[in-house]
Amino acid sequence: MTGGRPEKHSLTLRGHRTSVSLEAPFWEAFRDIAKAEGKAIGALASEIDADRGMDMGLASAIRVYVLAWHRREAGLG
């Protein structure tokens, strides 16, 4: 699996538009997680945004969330 260049997508977080750049596999996994949790991708991004520290960018926070989610699903965390 190759990540390639990050792809920029616009999201609405709590009524404000922002753009996030993630590699295609992370976008795919993030969409799959949102669907599995029965949430819109913007709603899930808003939750991640609210929980992240100020020392971490939103794109990094999403990548960490995706990794942690898959680790939990695999019984590793």
C-alpha atoms as a PDB file:
ATOM      1  CA  MET A   1       0.000   0.000   0.000  1.00  0.00           C
ATOM      2  CA  THR A   2       1.406   3.365  -0.935  1.00  0.00           C
ATOM      3  CA  GLY A   3       0.308   6.597   0.634  1.00  0.00           C
ATOM      4  CA  GLY A   4       1.389   8.968  -2.099  1.00  0.00           C
ATOM      5  CA  ARG A   5       1.018  12.675  -1.664  1.00  0.00           C
ATOM      6  CA  PRO A   6      -1.477  13.943   0.888  1.00  0.00           C
ATOM      7  CA  GLU A   7      -4.873  14.887  -0.514  1.00  0.00           C
ATOM      8  CA  LYS A   8      -6.557  18.026   0.773  1.00  0.00           C
ATOM      9  CA  HIS A   9     -10.263  17.816   1.625  1.00  0.00           C
ATOM     10  CA  SER A  10     -12.543  20.420   3.153  1.00  0.00           C
ATOM     11  CA  LEU A  11     -14.457  19.637   6.331  1.00  0.00           C
ATOM     12  CA  THR A  12     -16.894  21.609   8.434  1.00  0.00           C
ATOM     13  CA  LEU A  13     -16.030  21.569  12.131  1.00  0.00           C
ATOM     14  CA  ARG A  14     -18.602  23.150  14.421  1.00  0.00           C
ATOM     15  CA  GLY A  15     -19.867  25.376  11.608  1.00  0.00           C
ATOM     16  CA  HIS A  16     -16.444  26.436  10.303  1.00  0.00           C
ATOM     17  CA  ARG A  17     -14.814  25.203   7.097  1.00  0.00           C
ATOM     18  CA  THR A  18     -11.272  23.911   7.283  1.00  0.00           C
ATOM     19  CA  SER A  19      -9.126  21.755   5.067  1.00  0.00           C
ATOM     20  CA  VAL A  20      -7.166  18.699   6.089  1.00  0.00           C
ATOM     21  CA  SER A  21      -4.432  16.947   4.135  1.00  0.00           C
ATOM     22  CA  LEU A  22      -4.149  13.182   4.547  1.00  0.00           C
ATOM     23  CA  GLU A  23      -2.784  10.395   2.403  1.00  0.00           C
ATOM     24  CA  ALA A  24      -5.441   8.460   0.471  1.00  0.00           C
ATOM     25  CA  PRO A  25      -5.269   5.340   2.703  1.00  0.00           C
ATOM     26  CA  PHE A  26      -5.934   7.497   5.777  1.00  0.00           C
ATOM     27  CA  TRP A  27      -8.923   9.177   4.107  1.00  0.00           C
ATOM     28  CA  GLU A  28     -10.298   5.761   3.190  1.00  0.00           C
ATOM     29  CA  ALA A  29      -9.801   4.383   6.709  1.00  0.00           C
ATOM     30  CA  PHE A  30     -11.233   7.555   8.274  1.00  0.00           C
ATOM     31  CA  ARG A  31     -14.382   7.307   6.125  1.00  0.00           C
ATOM     32  CA  ASP A  32     -14.718   3.613   6.994  1.00  0.00           C
ATOM     33  CA  ILE A  33     -14.446   4.372  10.725  1.00  0.00           C
ATOM     34  CA  ALA A  34     -17.033   7.153  10.516  1.00  0.00           C
ATOM     35  CA  LYS A  35     -19.401   4.778   8.729  1.00  0.00           C
ATOM     36  CA  ALA A  36     -18.769   1.983  11.250  1.00  0.00           C
ATOM     37  CA  GLU A  37     -19.521   4.394  14.095  1.00  0.00           C
ATOM     38  CA  GLY A  38     -22.631   5.733  12.345  1.00  0.00           C
ATOM     39  CA  LYS A  39     -21.251   9.274  12.179  1.00  0.00           C
ATOM     40  CA  ALA A  40     -20.720  11.825   9.463  1.00  0.00           C
ATOM     41  CA  ILE A  41     -17.054  12.348   8.704  1.00  0.00           C
ATOM     42  CA  GLY A  42     -17.336  15.999   9.805  1.00  0.00           C
ATOM     43  CA  ALA A  43     -18.860  14.984  13.136  1.00  0.00           C
ATOM     44  CA  LEU A  44     -16.059  12.507  13.803  1.00  0.00           C
ATOM     45  CA  ALA A  45     -13.453  15.090  12.797  1.00  0.00           C
ATOM     46  CA  SER A  46     -15.080  17.567  15.207  1.00  0.00           C
ATOM     47  CA  GLU A  47     -14.810  15.048  18.053  1.00  0.00           C
ATOM     48  CA  ILE A  48     -11.148  14.406  17.269  1.00  0.00           C
ATOM     49  CA  ASP A  49     -10.511  18.145  16.997  1.00  0.00           C
ATOM     50  CA  ALA A  50     -12.098  18.774  20.396  1.00  0.00           C
ATOM     51  CA  ASP A  51     -10.016  16.031  22.043  1.00  0.00           C
ATOM     52  CA  ARG A  52      -6.627  16.854  20.517  1.00  0.00           C
ATOM     53  CA  GLY A  53      -4.037  18.882  22.331  1.00  0.00           C
ATOM     54  CA  MET A  54      -2.841  22.183  20.977  1.00  0.00           C
ATOM     55  CA  ASP A  55       0.549  20.593  20.327  1.00  0.00           C
ATOM     56  CA  MET A  56      -0.909  18.326  17.609  1.00  0.00           C
ATOM     57  CA  GLY A  57      -2.346  19.359  14.260  1.00  0.00           C
ATOM     58  CA  LEU A  58      -5.717  18.049  13.141  1.00  0.00           C
ATOM     59  CA  ALA A  59      -4.276  15.872  10.362  1.00  0.00           C
ATOM     60  CA  SER A  60      -1.882  14.226  12.823  1.00  0.00           C
ATOM     61  CA  ALA A  61      -4.695  13.752  15.339  1.00  0.00           C
ATOM     62  CA  ILE A  62      -6.807  12.017  12.682  1.00  0.00           C
ATOM     63  CA  ARG A  63      -3.915   9.719  11.732  1.00  0.00           C
ATOM     64  CA  VAL A  64      -3.366   8.789  15.394  1.00  0.00           C
ATOM     65  CA  TYR A  65      -7.116   8.183  15.837  1.00  0.00           C
ATOM     66  CA  VAL A  66      -7.209   5.905  12.785  1.00  0.00           C
ATOM     67  CA  LEU A  67      -4.207   3.946  14.054  1.00  0.00           C
ATOM     68  CA  ALA A  68      -5.624   3.635  17.593  1.00  0.00           C
ATOM     69  CA  TRP A  69      -9.029   2.544  16.248  1.00  0.00           C
ATOM     70  CA  HIS A  70      -7.510  -0.198  14.138  1.00  0.00           C
ATOM     71  CA  ARG A  71      -5.281  -1.337  17.007  1.00  0.00           C
ATOM     72  CA  ARG A  72      -8.367  -1.651  19.248  1.00  0.00           C
ATOM     73  CA  GLU A  73     -10.195  -3.583  16.539  1.00  0.00           C
ATOM     74  CA  ALA A  74      -7.205  -5.924  16.257  1.00  0.00           C
ATOM     75  CA  GLY A  75      -7.186  -6.412  20.040  1.00  0.00           C
ATOM     76  CA  LEU A  76      -3.841  -4.661  20.418  1.00  0.00           C
ATOM     77  CA  GLY A  77      -4.827  -1.671  22.454  1.00  0.00           C
END
